[in-house]
């Protein structure tokens, strides 16, 4: 699987990666679970064959749409796949 690592040269500094918490849903989450999540304001993203949930949650390290700890950011952040590029 290809890494989602994006170099700062390609980064558009939109800050989207730090404004949302995106988590994978289990493959066993059925349509009822997805509807329940959506009903409660959680965005469900279906990207066959995977499903994710997107929760608005701004990182405290985001300053002016830039990561203030970029060089030492956690592995999760390093592996984030940006769809805006």
N, C-alpha and C. Protein backbone atom coordinates (compact mmCIF):
# COMPACT_ATOMS: atom_id res chain seq x y z
N UNK A 1 0.84 -1.19 0.00
CA UNK A 1 0.00 0.00 0.00
C UNK A 1 0.88 1.24 0.00
N UNK A 2 0.52 2.20 -0.78
CA UNK A 2 1.30 3.41 -0.91
C UNK A 2 1.12 4.30 0.31
N UNK A 3 2.19 4.88 0.79
CA UNK A 3 2.13 5.77 1.94
C UNK A 3 1.44 7.08 1.56
N UNK A 4 0.78 7.67 2.53
CA UNK A 4 0.10 8.93 2.29
C UNK A 4 1.00 10.12 2.57
N UNK A 5 2.28 9.88 2.80
CA UNK A 5 3.19 10.97 3.13
C UNK A 5 3.24 12.01 2.02
N UNK A 6 3.08 13.24 2.40
CA UNK A 6 3.10 14.36 1.46
C UNK A 6 4.22 15.31 1.88
N UNK A 7 5.05 15.70 0.94
CA UNK A 7 6.11 16.63 1.28
C UNK A 7 5.54 18.03 1.45
N UNK A 8 6.21 18.82 2.23
CA UNK A 8 5.75 20.20 2.46
C UNK A 8 5.73 20.99 1.15
N UNK A 9 6.51 20.59 0.15
CA UNK A 9 6.51 21.30 -1.12
C UNK A 9 5.17 21.17 -1.82
N UNK A 10 4.47 20.03 -1.62
CA UNK A 10 3.18 19.81 -2.25
C UNK A 10 2.03 20.29 -1.37
N UNK A 11 2.26 20.45 -0.10
CA UNK A 11 1.21 20.84 0.84
C UNK A 11 0.68 22.23 0.52
N UNK A 12 -0.64 22.34 0.46
CA UNK A 12 -1.28 23.63 0.18
C UNK A 12 -1.61 24.40 1.44
N UNK A 13 -1.25 23.83 2.57
CA UNK A 13 -1.45 24.45 3.88
C UNK A 13 -2.89 24.87 4.12
N UNK A 14 -3.81 23.98 3.73
CA UNK A 14 -5.24 24.24 3.96
C UNK A 14 -5.63 23.91 5.39
N UNK A 15 -4.84 23.05 6.05
CA UNK A 15 -5.11 22.70 7.44
C UNK A 15 -6.16 21.62 7.62
N UNK A 16 -6.72 21.11 6.53
CA UNK A 16 -7.77 20.10 6.65
C UNK A 16 -7.31 18.87 7.44
N UNK A 17 -6.06 18.51 7.29
CA UNK A 17 -5.55 17.32 7.97
C UNK A 17 -5.57 17.49 9.49
N UNK A 18 -5.58 18.71 9.96
CA UNK A 18 -5.54 18.96 11.39
C UNK A 18 -6.87 19.49 11.94
N UNK A 19 -7.87 19.57 11.08
CA UNK A 19 -9.17 20.08 11.51
C UNK A 19 -10.21 18.99 11.68
N UNK A 20 -9.86 17.77 11.29
CA UNK A 20 -10.80 16.66 11.36
C UNK A 20 -10.11 15.41 11.85
N UNK A 21 -10.84 14.64 12.62
CA UNK A 21 -10.37 13.33 13.04
C UNK A 21 -11.03 12.32 12.12
N UNK A 22 -10.22 11.58 11.37
CA UNK A 22 -10.75 10.60 10.42
C UNK A 22 -10.32 9.22 10.88
N UNK A 23 -11.33 8.38 11.15
CA UNK A 23 -11.08 7.04 11.67
C UNK A 23 -11.75 6.00 10.79
N UNK A 24 -11.11 4.84 10.64
CA UNK A 24 -11.75 3.78 9.86
C UNK A 24 -12.87 3.13 10.67
N UNK A 25 -13.93 2.74 9.97
CA UNK A 25 -15.00 1.96 10.58
C UNK A 25 -14.71 0.50 10.34
N UNK A 26 -15.12 -0.33 11.24
CA UNK A 26 -14.95 -1.76 11.05
C UNK A 26 -15.73 -2.23 9.83
N UNK A 27 -15.26 -3.27 9.20
CA UNK A 27 -15.94 -3.81 8.03
C UNK A 27 -17.31 -4.37 8.39
N UNK A 28 -17.56 -4.55 9.69
CA UNK A 28 -18.83 -5.12 10.13
C UNK A 28 -19.88 -4.06 10.43
N UNK A 29 -19.53 -2.79 10.26
CA UNK A 29 -20.51 -1.72 10.48
C UNK A 29 -21.53 -1.76 9.35
N UNK A 30 -22.76 -2.04 9.70
CA UNK A 30 -23.80 -2.14 8.67
C UNK A 30 -24.44 -0.77 8.42
N UNK A 31 -25.41 -0.74 7.53
CA UNK A 31 -26.06 0.51 7.17
C UNK A 31 -26.75 1.16 8.35
N UNK A 32 -27.28 0.36 9.28
CA UNK A 32 -27.93 0.92 10.47
C UNK A 32 -26.94 1.70 11.33
N UNK A 33 -25.74 1.16 11.47
CA UNK A 33 -24.70 1.86 12.24
C UNK A 33 -24.33 3.16 11.54
N UNK A 34 -24.16 3.10 10.23
CA UNK A 34 -23.81 4.30 9.46
C UNK A 34 -24.91 5.35 9.56
N UNK A 35 -26.16 4.95 9.48
CA UNK A 35 -27.29 5.88 9.60
C UNK A 35 -27.33 6.50 10.99
N UNK A 36 -27.05 5.69 12.02
CA UNK A 36 -27.04 6.19 13.39
C UNK A 36 -25.95 7.26 13.55
N UNK A 37 -24.77 6.98 13.02
CA UNK A 37 -23.67 7.95 13.10
C UNK A 37 -24.05 9.25 12.39
N UNK A 38 -24.59 9.14 11.18
CA UNK A 38 -24.99 10.33 10.43
C UNK A 38 -26.07 11.11 11.16
N UNK A 39 -27.02 10.40 11.76
CA UNK A 39 -28.09 11.05 12.52
C UNK A 39 -27.52 11.88 13.66
N UNK A 40 -26.41 11.41 14.22
CA UNK A 40 -25.78 12.12 15.34
C UNK A 40 -24.67 13.07 14.88
N UNK A 41 -24.68 13.42 13.61
CA UNK A 41 -23.79 14.46 13.11
C UNK A 41 -22.40 14.02 12.71
N UNK A 42 -22.18 12.73 12.62
CA UNK A 42 -20.87 12.23 12.22
C UNK A 42 -20.90 11.94 10.72
N UNK A 43 -19.97 12.52 9.99
CA UNK A 43 -19.91 12.28 8.55
C UNK A 43 -19.33 10.90 8.28
N UNK A 44 -20.01 10.15 7.43
CA UNK A 44 -19.55 8.82 7.04
C UNK A 44 -19.05 8.90 5.60
N UNK A 45 -17.83 8.44 5.38
CA UNK A 45 -17.20 8.49 4.06
C UNK A 45 -17.00 7.07 3.56
N UNK A 46 -17.69 6.73 2.48
CA UNK A 46 -17.53 5.41 1.86
C UNK A 46 -16.56 5.51 0.71
N UNK A 47 -15.44 4.84 0.85
CA UNK A 47 -14.42 4.78 -0.21
C UNK A 47 -14.14 3.30 -0.40
N UNK A 48 -14.86 2.70 -1.31
CA UNK A 48 -14.80 1.27 -1.51
C UNK A 48 -13.36 0.79 -1.58
N UNK A 49 -12.94 -0.16 -0.81
CA UNK A 49 -13.73 -1.02 0.06
C UNK A 49 -13.76 -0.56 1.51
N UNK A 50 -13.28 0.65 1.80
CA UNK A 50 -13.18 1.12 3.18
C UNK A 50 -14.24 2.16 3.49
N UNK A 51 -14.58 2.26 4.77
CA UNK A 51 -15.50 3.28 5.26
C UNK A 51 -14.84 3.99 6.43
N UNK A 52 -14.96 5.31 6.43
CA UNK A 52 -14.34 6.13 7.47
C UNK A 52 -15.40 7.02 8.10
N UNK A 53 -15.11 7.50 9.30
CA UNK A 53 -15.94 8.54 9.90
C UNK A 53 -15.06 9.78 10.05
N UNK A 54 -15.69 10.93 9.88
CA UNK A 54 -14.98 12.20 9.94
C UNK A 54 -15.63 13.06 11.02
N UNK A 55 -14.84 13.39 12.04
CA UNK A 55 -15.33 14.16 13.17
C UNK A 55 -14.58 15.49 13.21
N UNK A 56 -15.31 16.61 13.17
CA UNK A 56 -14.63 17.91 13.26
C UNK A 56 -13.94 18.04 14.63
N UNK A 57 -12.63 18.13 14.61
CA UNK A 57 -11.87 18.22 15.85
C UNK A 57 -10.52 18.85 15.53
N UNK A 58 -10.37 20.13 15.83
CA UNK A 58 -9.15 20.85 15.48
C UNK A 58 -8.00 20.51 16.43
N UNK A 59 -6.86 20.23 15.84
CA UNK A 59 -5.66 19.93 16.62
C UNK A 59 -5.15 21.21 17.28
N UNK A 60 -4.73 21.09 18.53
CA UNK A 60 -4.23 22.26 19.26
C UNK A 60 -2.88 22.74 18.72
N UNK A 61 -2.23 21.94 17.90
CA UNK A 61 -0.91 22.30 17.34
C UNK A 61 -1.02 23.01 16.00
N UNK A 62 -2.24 23.20 15.51
CA UNK A 62 -2.46 23.90 14.24
C UNK A 62 -2.47 25.40 14.49
N UNK A 63 -1.52 26.11 13.86
CA UNK A 63 -1.40 27.56 14.02
C UNK A 63 -1.33 28.17 12.63
N UNK A 64 -2.30 29.02 12.28
CA UNK A 64 -2.36 29.64 10.95
C UNK A 64 -2.31 28.60 9.83
N UNK A 65 -3.07 27.53 10.01
CA UNK A 65 -3.15 26.43 9.04
C UNK A 65 -1.83 25.72 8.82
N UNK A 66 -0.92 25.81 9.77
CA UNK A 66 0.36 25.13 9.71
C UNK A 66 0.57 24.36 11.00
N UNK A 67 1.21 23.20 10.87
CA UNK A 67 1.53 22.40 12.04
C UNK A 67 2.70 23.03 12.77
N UNK A 68 2.48 23.37 14.03
CA UNK A 68 3.55 24.01 14.80
C UNK A 68 4.60 23.01 15.30
N UNK A 69 4.32 21.71 15.13
CA UNK A 69 5.29 20.67 15.53
C UNK A 69 5.58 19.75 14.34
N UNK A 70 5.59 20.30 13.14
CA UNK A 70 5.70 19.51 11.92
C UNK A 70 6.87 18.50 11.96
N UNK A 71 8.04 18.94 12.37
CA UNK A 71 9.22 18.06 12.36
C UNK A 71 9.13 16.93 13.37
N UNK A 72 8.33 17.09 14.40
CA UNK A 72 8.20 16.06 15.44
C UNK A 72 6.76 15.56 15.57
N UNK A 73 5.95 15.75 14.54
CA UNK A 73 4.54 15.34 14.60
C UNK A 73 4.42 13.82 14.75
N UNK A 74 3.30 13.36 15.32
CA UNK A 74 3.11 11.92 15.53
C UNK A 74 3.03 11.14 14.22
N UNK A 75 3.25 9.84 14.31
CA UNK A 75 3.22 8.96 13.14
C UNK A 75 1.88 9.03 12.43
N UNK A 76 0.79 9.12 13.17
CA UNK A 76 -0.54 9.22 12.58
C UNK A 76 -0.61 10.40 11.64
N UNK A 77 -0.04 11.51 12.04
CA UNK A 77 -0.03 12.70 11.19
C UNK A 77 0.87 12.50 9.98
N UNK A 78 1.98 11.86 10.18
CA UNK A 78 2.92 11.61 9.07
C UNK A 78 2.28 10.73 7.99
N UNK A 79 1.42 9.82 8.39
CA UNK A 79 0.81 8.88 7.46
C UNK A 79 -0.53 9.36 6.90
N UNK A 80 -0.97 10.54 7.29
CA UNK A 80 -2.26 11.05 6.83
C UNK A 80 -2.25 11.19 5.30
N UNK A 81 -3.29 10.67 4.66
CA UNK A 81 -3.39 10.77 3.21
C UNK A 81 -4.26 11.97 2.85
N UNK A 82 -3.70 12.96 2.22
CA UNK A 82 -4.42 14.18 1.87
C UNK A 82 -5.07 14.04 0.52
N UNK A 83 -6.39 14.21 0.49
CA UNK A 83 -7.12 14.11 -0.78
C UNK A 83 -7.13 15.41 -1.56
N UNK A 84 -6.59 16.47 -0.98
CA UNK A 84 -6.61 17.78 -1.65
C UNK A 84 -5.44 17.96 -2.62
N UNK A 85 -4.56 16.98 -2.68
CA UNK A 85 -3.40 17.10 -3.58
C UNK A 85 -3.57 16.28 -4.82
